[in-house]
Amino acid sequence: MSARFIFVDLIIESKAMEINGFKFKTRIQLRFKDTDQMGHVNNANHLTYFELARVAYFNEVVAEKIEWNKEGIILARIEVDYKSPILLEDEVWVHIRLSKIGKTSFEMEYKIVRINGKVEVVAAEGKSVQVCFNYELNKPIPVPESWKVKAVNFEPALPLQ
């Protein structure tokens, strides 16, 4: 017995290759080890691509050194909706944005796209919740004000709680 999967491509046409509401994107270098026997990028890799985008976003937008052994971020929740397959030869980008900032946590949204000619085809969408955490006190801490200021300057429509 064999399984058959049918995917419907979600296509976003954009001259600037930018998805509405997402000002930041980073290119993902696919590796042979990312693929499965069928030549598709294994779905588990999408979470790694989200992580790479988060790191790139923080390096560019927040641009502050974090002392990870004292304070940092804990990934509390992550979800992904798969839309279409990614192949090894595809050019892949992750669009990322902050969608919410709370007292001790913040939410990020992602769109993984593959380039098909002059359009971006959505391969997956996701969301994650990160909690700011003090490892010495072993408890959540408020999102740093400097992060909020930089995030709102970069993404003016960002809702703060």
N, C-alpha and C. Protein backbone atom coordinates (compact mmCIF):
# COMPACT_ATOMS: atom_id res chain seq x y z
N MET A 1 0.84 -1.17 0.00
CA MET A 1 0.00 0.00 0.00
C MET A 1 0.89 1.24 0.00
N SER A 2 0.57 2.21 -0.81
CA SER A 2 1.36 3.44 -0.84
C SER A 2 0.48 4.63 -0.51
N ALA A 3 1.11 5.65 0.02
CA ALA A 3 0.38 6.87 0.37
C ALA A 3 0.59 7.90 -0.72
N ARG A 4 -0.40 8.66 -0.98
CA ARG A 4 -0.30 9.71 -1.98
C ARG A 4 -0.68 11.03 -1.32
N PHE A 5 0.17 12.02 -1.49
CA PHE A 5 -0.07 13.33 -0.91
C PHE A 5 -0.31 14.34 -2.03
N ILE A 6 -1.30 15.15 -1.84
CA ILE A 6 -1.60 16.19 -2.82
C ILE A 6 -1.47 17.52 -2.11
N PHE A 7 -0.68 18.41 -2.66
CA PHE A 7 -0.48 19.72 -2.06
C PHE A 7 -1.03 20.79 -3.00
N VAL A 8 -1.65 21.78 -2.42
CA VAL A 8 -2.10 22.93 -3.19
C VAL A 8 -1.14 24.07 -2.87
N ASP A 9 -0.50 24.61 -3.88
CA ASP A 9 0.45 25.70 -3.67
C ASP A 9 -0.27 26.99 -3.33
N LEU A 10 0.17 27.63 -2.26
CA LEU A 10 -0.30 28.97 -1.93
C LEU A 10 0.74 29.91 -2.50
N ILE A 11 0.34 30.70 -3.47
CA ILE A 11 1.29 31.54 -4.18
C ILE A 11 1.08 32.99 -3.80
N ILE A 12 2.17 33.65 -3.52
CA ILE A 12 2.15 35.07 -3.20
C ILE A 12 2.93 35.78 -4.28
N GLU A 13 2.26 36.60 -5.04
CA GLU A 13 2.95 37.34 -6.09
C GLU A 13 3.38 38.69 -5.54
N SER A 14 4.65 38.98 -5.67
CA SER A 14 5.19 40.22 -5.14
C SER A 14 6.48 40.55 -5.87
N LYS A 15 6.53 41.75 -6.41
CA LYS A 15 7.74 42.18 -7.10
C LYS A 15 8.92 42.23 -6.14
N ALA A 16 8.67 42.68 -4.92
CA ALA A 16 9.75 42.81 -3.94
C ALA A 16 10.01 41.51 -3.19
N MET A 17 9.26 40.47 -3.49
CA MET A 17 9.38 39.20 -2.78
C MET A 17 9.27 39.42 -1.29
N GLU A 18 8.26 40.19 -0.89
CA GLU A 18 8.03 40.48 0.51
C GLU A 18 6.56 40.19 0.81
N ILE A 19 6.30 39.48 1.87
CA ILE A 19 4.95 39.15 2.26
C ILE A 19 4.41 40.27 3.13
N ASN A 20 3.17 40.67 2.88
CA ASN A 20 2.55 41.75 3.66
C ASN A 20 2.65 41.49 5.16
N GLY A 21 3.09 42.51 5.88
CA GLY A 21 3.20 42.41 7.32
C GLY A 21 4.49 41.80 7.83
N PHE A 22 5.30 41.27 6.93
CA PHE A 22 6.58 40.67 7.31
C PHE A 22 7.71 41.52 6.72
N LYS A 23 8.39 42.26 7.58
CA LYS A 23 9.47 43.12 7.10
C LYS A 23 10.82 42.43 7.08
N PHE A 24 10.94 41.30 7.76
CA PHE A 24 12.24 40.64 7.89
C PHE A 24 12.17 39.24 7.29
N LYS A 25 13.22 38.89 6.57
CA LYS A 25 13.33 37.53 6.05
C LYS A 25 14.79 37.13 6.00
N THR A 26 15.01 35.83 6.02
CA THR A 26 16.37 35.32 5.95
C THR A 26 16.37 34.09 5.05
N ARG A 27 17.44 33.95 4.30
CA ARG A 27 17.56 32.81 3.38
C ARG A 27 18.04 31.58 4.15
N ILE A 28 17.53 30.44 3.78
CA ILE A 28 17.90 29.18 4.41
C ILE A 28 18.71 28.37 3.41
N GLN A 29 19.89 27.94 3.85
CA GLN A 29 20.73 27.06 3.04
C GLN A 29 20.29 25.63 3.31
N LEU A 30 19.68 24.99 2.31
CA LEU A 30 19.26 23.60 2.47
C LEU A 30 20.48 22.69 2.40
N ARG A 31 20.42 21.62 3.18
CA ARG A 31 21.51 20.64 3.20
C ARG A 31 20.97 19.29 2.76
N PHE A 32 21.81 18.47 2.19
CA PHE A 32 21.39 17.15 1.74
C PHE A 32 20.78 16.36 2.91
N LYS A 33 21.34 16.52 4.09
CA LYS A 33 20.84 15.80 5.26
C LYS A 33 19.43 16.23 5.66
N ASP A 34 18.95 17.35 5.13
CA ASP A 34 17.59 17.81 5.43
C ASP A 34 16.53 16.98 4.71
N THR A 35 16.93 16.24 3.69
CA THR A 35 15.95 15.56 2.84
C THR A 35 15.69 14.13 3.29
N ASP A 36 14.52 13.65 2.90
CA ASP A 36 14.15 12.26 3.19
C ASP A 36 14.35 11.42 1.93
N GLN A 37 13.94 10.19 2.00
CA GLN A 37 14.13 9.25 0.90
C GLN A 37 13.41 9.69 -0.38
N MET A 38 12.36 10.48 -0.23
CA MET A 38 11.59 10.94 -1.38
C MET A 38 12.16 12.22 -2.00
N GLY A 39 13.23 12.76 -1.40
CA GLY A 39 13.83 13.99 -1.91
C GLY A 39 13.20 15.25 -1.38
N HIS A 40 12.25 15.12 -0.47
CA HIS A 40 11.62 16.28 0.17
C HIS A 40 12.39 16.65 1.43
N VAL A 41 12.36 17.91 1.77
CA VAL A 41 12.91 18.32 3.06
C VAL A 41 11.99 17.74 4.12
N ASN A 42 12.57 17.02 5.07
CA ASN A 42 11.78 16.41 6.14
C ASN A 42 11.12 17.49 6.98
N ASN A 43 9.88 17.27 7.36
CA ASN A 43 9.10 18.27 8.09
C ASN A 43 9.74 18.72 9.39
N ALA A 44 10.51 17.86 10.03
CA ALA A 44 11.15 18.23 11.30
C ALA A 44 12.11 19.40 11.12
N ASN A 45 12.66 19.56 9.92
CA ASN A 45 13.61 20.64 9.66
C ASN A 45 12.97 22.03 9.69
N HIS A 46 11.68 22.09 9.48
CA HIS A 46 11.00 23.39 9.49
C HIS A 46 11.20 24.12 10.82
N LEU A 47 11.24 23.36 11.91
CA LEU A 47 11.45 23.97 13.22
C LEU A 47 12.85 24.57 13.33
N THR A 48 13.83 23.90 12.73
CA THR A 48 15.19 24.44 12.68
C THR A 48 15.22 25.71 11.85
N TYR A 49 14.50 25.74 10.74
CA TYR A 49 14.46 26.94 9.90
C TYR A 49 13.82 28.11 10.66
N PHE A 50 12.78 27.82 11.46
CA PHE A 50 12.19 28.86 12.31
C PHE A 50 13.25 29.39 13.28
N GLU A 51 14.00 28.49 13.88
CA GLU A 51 15.03 28.89 14.84
C GLU A 51 16.09 29.77 14.17
N LEU A 52 16.54 29.37 12.99
CA LEU A 52 17.53 30.18 12.26
C LEU A 52 16.99 31.58 11.99
N ALA A 53 15.72 31.66 11.65
CA ALA A 53 15.10 32.97 11.39
C ALA A 53 15.01 33.79 12.67
N ARG A 54 14.66 33.14 13.79
CA ARG A 54 14.61 33.86 15.08
C ARG A 54 15.96 34.44 15.44
N VAL A 55 17.01 33.65 15.29
CA VAL A 55 18.36 34.12 15.61
C VAL A 55 18.74 35.29 14.70
N ALA A 56 18.46 35.17 13.41
CA ALA A 56 18.77 36.25 12.47
C ALA A 56 17.98 37.52 12.82
N TYR A 57 16.71 37.37 13.16
CA TYR A 57 15.87 38.50 13.54
C TYR A 57 16.45 39.20 14.76
N PHE A 58 16.79 38.43 15.80
CA PHE A 58 17.35 39.03 17.01
C PHE A 58 18.68 39.69 16.73
N ASN A 59 19.53 39.07 15.93
CA ASN A 59 20.82 39.68 15.60
C ASN A 59 20.65 41.01 14.88
N GLU A 60 19.67 41.11 14.01
CA GLU A 60 19.46 42.33 13.22
C GLU A 60 18.62 43.38 13.96
N VAL A 61 17.50 42.97 14.52
CA VAL A 61 16.54 43.92 15.07
C VAL A 61 16.86 44.28 16.51
N VAL A 62 17.07 43.29 17.36
CA VAL A 62 17.36 43.56 18.77
C VAL A 62 18.83 43.95 18.94
N ALA A 63 19.70 43.24 18.28
CA ALA A 63 21.13 43.56 18.23
C ALA A 63 21.74 43.85 19.60
N GLU A 64 21.44 42.98 20.57
CA GLU A 64 22.03 43.10 21.90
C GLU A 64 22.66 41.76 22.28
N LYS A 65 23.76 41.85 22.96
CA LYS A 65 24.41 40.63 23.45
C LYS A 65 23.60 40.09 24.62
N ILE A 66 23.34 38.80 24.58
CA ILE A 66 22.58 38.15 25.65
C ILE A 66 23.54 37.22 26.39
N GLU A 67 23.56 37.33 27.71
CA GLU A 67 24.37 36.42 28.52
C GLU A 67 23.51 35.21 28.84
N TRP A 68 23.60 34.20 27.98
CA TRP A 68 22.70 33.06 28.02
C TRP A 68 22.79 32.25 29.31
N ASN A 69 23.91 32.30 30.01
CA ASN A 69 24.00 31.52 31.25
C ASN A 69 23.30 32.22 32.42
N LYS A 70 22.89 33.47 32.23
CA LYS A 70 22.18 34.21 33.28
C LYS A 70 20.71 34.41 32.92
N GLU A 71 20.49 35.04 31.78
CA GLU A 71 19.13 35.31 31.32
C GLU A 71 19.02 34.96 29.85
N GLY A 72 17.85 34.61 29.45
CA GLY A 72 17.66 34.27 28.05
C GLY A 72 16.21 34.06 27.70
N ILE A 73 16.02 33.22 26.71
CA ILE A 73 14.69 32.98 26.17
C ILE A 73 14.46 31.47 26.17
N ILE A 74 13.28 31.08 26.60
CA ILE A 74 12.88 29.69 26.54
C ILE A 74 11.76 29.57 25.50
N LEU A 75 11.90 28.62 24.61
CA LEU A 75 10.84 28.35 23.64
C LEU A 75 9.76 27.57 24.37
N ALA A 76 8.59 28.20 24.57
CA ALA A 76 7.52 27.58 25.35
C ALA A 76 6.51 26.84 24.48
N ARG A 77 6.34 27.30 23.26
CA ARG A 77 5.34 26.70 22.37
C ARG A 77 5.73 26.95 20.93
N ILE A 78 5.47 25.96 20.08
CA ILE A 78 5.72 26.16 18.65
C ILE A 78 4.71 25.32 17.88
N GLU A 79 4.25 25.88 16.78
CA GLU A 79 3.31 25.16 15.91
C GLU A 79 3.69 25.42 14.47
N VAL A 80 3.35 24.45 13.63
CA VAL A 80 3.66 24.59 12.20
C VAL A 80 2.52 23.96 11.39
N ASP A 81 2.15 24.66 10.34
CA ASP A 81 1.17 24.15 9.36
C ASP A 81 1.90 23.98 8.04
N TYR A 82 1.93 22.75 7.56
CA TYR A 82 2.63 22.44 6.32
C TYR A 82 1.70 22.69 5.14
N LYS A 83 2.20 23.40 4.13
CA LYS A 83 1.38 23.78 2.98
C LYS A 83 1.81 23.10 1.69
N SER A 84 3.11 23.00 1.45
CA SER A 84 3.61 22.37 0.23
C SER A 84 5.04 21.90 0.46
N PRO A 85 5.49 20.91 -0.30
CA PRO A 85 6.82 20.34 -0.06
C PRO A 85 7.95 21.27 -0.50
N ILE A 86 9.11 21.05 0.12
CA ILE A 86 10.33 21.74 -0.25
C ILE A 86 11.29 20.67 -0.76
N LEU A 87 11.96 20.96 -1.86
CA LEU A 87 12.95 20.04 -2.42
C LEU A 87 14.34 20.61 -2.24
N LEU A 88 15.35 19.76 -2.28
CA LEU A 88 16.72 20.16 -2.03
C LEU A 88 17.17 21.31 -2.94
N GLU A 89 16.73 21.32 -4.18
CA GLU A 89 17.19 22.35 -5.12
C GLU A 89 16.42 23.68 -5.01
N ASP A 90 15.42 23.74 -4.12
CA ASP A 90 14.63 24.97 -3.97
C ASP A 90 15.42 26.08 -3.28
N GLU A 91 15.12 27.30 -3.66
CA GLU A 91 15.61 28.48 -2.94
C GLU A 91 14.57 28.78 -1.87
N VAL A 92 14.99 28.77 -0.61
CA VAL A 92 14.05 28.88 0.51
C VAL A 92 14.38 30.07 1.39
N TRP A 93 13.33 30.77 1.80
CA TRP A 93 13.44 31.91 2.70
C TRP A 93 12.43 31.74 3.83
N VAL A 94 12.74 32.32 4.98
CA VAL A 94 11.78 32.38 6.07
C VAL A 94 11.49 33.84 6.36
N HIS A 95 10.22 34.20 6.25
CA HIS A 95 9.74 35.52 6.68
C HIS A 95 9.35 35.38 8.14
N ILE A 96 9.70 36.37 8.94
CA ILE A 96 9.43 36.30 10.38
C ILE A 96 9.04 37.68 10.88
N ARG A 97 8.15 37.67 11.87
CA ARG A 97 7.78 38.93 12.52
C ARG A 97 7.38 38.66 13.96
N LEU A 98 7.52 39.67 14.77
CA LEU A 98 6.96 39.65 16.11
C LEU A 98 5.48 39.98 15.96
N SER A 99 4.63 39.16 16.53
CA SER A 99 3.20 39.42 16.39
C SER A 99 2.56 39.91 17.68
N LYS A 100 3.22 39.67 18.81
CA LYS A 100 2.69 40.10 20.11
C LYS A 100 3.82 40.16 21.12
N ILE A 101 3.77 41.17 21.98
CA ILE A 101 4.70 41.21 23.11
C ILE A 101 3.86 41.35 24.38
N GLY A 102 4.05 40.42 25.30
CA GLY A 102 3.36 40.46 26.58
C GLY A 102 4.30 40.92 27.67
N LYS A 103 3.95 40.60 28.90
CA LYS A 103 4.76 41.03 30.02
C LYS A 103 6.07 40.24 30.10
N THR A 104 6.00 38.91 30.02
CA THR A 104 7.20 38.07 30.12
C THR A 104 7.43 37.24 28.86
N SER A 105 6.53 37.34 27.90
CA SER A 105 6.66 36.50 26.71
C SER A 105 6.37 37.31 25.44
N PHE A 106 6.73 36.70 24.33
CA PHE A 106 6.41 37.30 23.04
C PHE A 106 6.15 36.20 22.03
N GLU A 107 5.35 36.56 21.02
CA GLU A 107 4.96 35.60 19.99
C GLU A 107 5.58 36.01 18.65
N MET A 108 6.02 35.01 17.90
CA MET A 108 6.57 35.26 16.58
C MET A 108 5.79 34.42 15.57
N GLU A 109 5.69 34.95 14.36
CA GLU A 109 5.03 34.24 13.27
C GLU A 109 6.03 34.05 12.14
N TYR A 110 5.85 32.96 11.39
CA TYR A 110 6.79 32.58 10.34
C TYR A 110 6.04 32.17 9.08
N LYS A 111 6.67 32.40 7.95
CA LYS A 111 6.24 31.83 6.67
C LYS A 111 7.50 31.34 5.97
N ILE A 112 7.55 30.04 5.72
CA ILE A 112 8.63 29.47 4.93
C ILE A 112 8.15 29.47 3.49
N VAL A 113 8.95 30.05 2.61
CA VAL A 113 8.58 30.12 1.20
C VAL A 113 9.70 29.55 0.34
N ARG A 114 9.30 29.02 -0.81
CA ARG A 114 10.27 28.62 -1.82
C ARG A 114 10.00 29.49 -3.04
N ILE A 115 11.07 29.85 -3.71
CA ILE A 115 10.96 30.73 -4.87
C ILE A 115 10.66 29.88 -6.10
N ASN A 116 9.61 30.28 -6.81
CA ASN A 116 9.21 29.61 -8.04
C ASN A 116 9.11 30.69 -9.12
N GLY A 117 10.20 30.88 -9.85
CA GLY A 117 10.23 31.97 -10.82
C GLY A 117 10.27 33.30 -10.11
N LYS A 118 9.20 34.09 -10.27
CA LYS A 118 9.14 35.40 -9.63
C LYS A 118 8.09 35.45 -8.52
N VAL A 119 7.68 34.30 -8.06
CA VAL A 119 6.70 34.26 -6.98
C VAL A 119 7.23 33.42 -5.82
N GLU A 120 6.70 33.70 -4.65
CA GLU A 120 7.01 32.92 -3.47
C GLU A 120 5.84 31.97 -3.22
N VAL A 121 6.17 30.71 -3.06
CA VAL A 121 5.16 29.70 -2.77
C VAL A 121 5.30 29.34 -1.29
N VAL A 122 4.22 29.49 -0.54
CA VAL A 122 4.27 29.20 0.89
C VAL A 122 4.37 27.70 1.10
N ALA A 123 5.44 27.29 1.79
CA ALA A 123 5.65 25.88 2.10
C ALA A 123 5.16 25.54 3.50
N ALA A 124 5.23 26.51 4.41
CA ALA A 124 4.77 26.28 5.78
C ALA A 124 4.55 27.62 6.48
N GLU A 125 3.68 27.59 7.46
CA GLU A 125 3.44 28.75 8.31
C GLU A 125 3.56 28.28 9.75
N GLY A 126 3.99 29.17 10.62
CA GLY A 126 4.13 28.76 12.00
C GLY A 126 4.03 29.91 12.97
N LYS A 127 4.03 29.54 14.24
CA LYS A 127 3.92 30.49 15.33
C LYS A 127 4.69 29.91 16.51
N SER A 128 5.33 30.78 17.27
CA SER A 128 6.02 30.32 18.48
C SER A 128 5.84 31.34 19.59
N VAL A 129 5.92 30.84 20.82
CA VAL A 129 5.88 31.70 22.00
C VAL A 129 7.20 31.49 22.75
N GLN A 130 7.87 32.59 23.04
CA GLN A 130 9.13 32.58 23.78
C GLN A 130 8.89 33.28 25.11
N VAL A 131 9.50 32.76 26.15
CA VAL A 131 9.40 33.35 27.48
C VAL A 131 10.78 33.81 27.91
N CYS A 132 10.87 35.06 28.37
CA CYS A 132 12.13 35.57 28.90
C CYS A 132 12.33 34.94 30.29
N PHE A 133 13.56 34.50 30.55
CA PHE A 133 13.78 33.67 31.73
C PHE A 133 15.11 33.99 32.39
N ASN A 134 15.08 34.03 33.74
CA ASN A 134 16.30 34.21 34.52
C ASN A 134 16.70 32.83 35.03
N TYR A 135 17.85 32.33 34.55
CA TYR A 135 18.30 31.00 34.91
C TYR A 135 18.85 30.92 36.33
N GLU A 136 19.36 32.03 36.86
CA GLU A 136 19.86 32.03 38.22
C GLU A 136 18.71 31.97 39.23
N LEU A 137 17.61 32.69 38.93
CA LEU A 137 16.44 32.69 39.81
C LEU A 137 15.44 31.60 39.44
N ASN A 138 15.63 31.02 38.27
CA ASN A 138 14.77 29.95 37.76
C ASN A 138 13.30 30.40 37.66
N LYS A 139 13.11 31.60 37.03
CA LYS A 139 11.75 32.09 36.88
C LYS A 139 11.66 33.06 35.69
N PRO A 140 10.45 33.22 35.16
CA PRO A 140 10.25 34.18 34.06
C PRO A 140 10.54 35.60 34.52
N ILE A 141 10.98 36.41 33.58
CA ILE A 141 11.26 37.82 33.85
C ILE A 141 10.59 38.66 32.76
N PRO A 142 10.40 39.94 33.00
CA PRO A 142 9.78 40.80 31.98
C PRO A 142 10.63 40.88 30.71
N VAL A 143 9.95 41.02 29.59
CA VAL A 143 10.64 41.27 28.32
C VAL A 143 11.39 42.59 28.48
N PRO A 144 12.69 42.63 28.20
CA PRO A 144 13.45 43.87 28.38
C PRO A 144 12.84 45.04 27.60
N GLU A 145 12.78 46.19 28.24
CA GLU A 145 12.21 47.39 27.61
C GLU A 145 12.95 47.75 26.32
N SER A 146 14.27 47.56 26.32
CA SER A 146 15.05 47.89 25.12
C SER A 146 14.61 47.02 23.94
N TRP A 147 14.24 45.76 24.19
CA TRP A 147 13.75 44.88 23.13
C TRP A 147 12.43 45.40 22.58
N LYS A 148 11.56 45.82 23.51
CA LYS A 148 10.25 46.34 23.10
C LYS A 148 10.41 47.57 22.22
N VAL A 149 11.27 48.48 22.65
CA VAL A 149 11.49 49.73 21.90
C VAL A 149 12.00 49.41 20.50
N LYS A 150 13.00 48.55 20.40
CA LYS A 150 13.57 48.20 19.11
C LYS A 150 12.56 47.48 18.23
N ALA A 151 11.78 46.60 18.82
CA ALA A 151 10.77 45.86 18.06
C ALA A 151 9.71 46.80 17.51
N VAL A 152 9.22 47.72 18.33
CA VAL A 152 8.19 48.65 17.89
C VAL A 152 8.75 49.62 16.84
N ASN A 153 10.01 50.02 16.98
CA ASN A 153 10.63 50.87 15.97
C ASN A 153 10.71 50.14 14.63
N PHE A 154 10.99 48.85 14.67
CA PHE A 154 11.10 48.05 13.45
C PHE A 154 9.72 47.67 12.90
N GLU A 155 8.80 47.35 13.82
CA GLU A 155 7.46 46.92 13.43
C GLU A 155 6.44 47.79 14.16
N PRO A 156 6.15 48.98 13.62
CA PRO A 156 5.29 49.95 14.32
C PRO A 156 3.87 49.45 14.63
N ALA A 157 3.35 48.49 13.89
CA ALA A 157 2.00 48.00 14.13
C ALA A 157 1.95 46.94 15.22
N LEU A 158 3.08 46.62 15.83
CA LEU A 158 3.16 45.57 16.82
C LEU A 158 2.33 45.90 18.04
N PRO A 159 1.38 45.02 18.41
CA PRO A 159 0.59 45.28 19.63
C PRO A 159 1.38 44.90 20.89
N LEU A 160 1.37 45.80 21.86
CA LEU A 160 2.01 45.54 23.15
C LEU A 160 0.91 45.29 24.17
N GLN A 161 1.17 44.36 25.11
CA GLN A 161 0.18 44.10 26.16
C GLN A 161 0.61 44.72 27.45
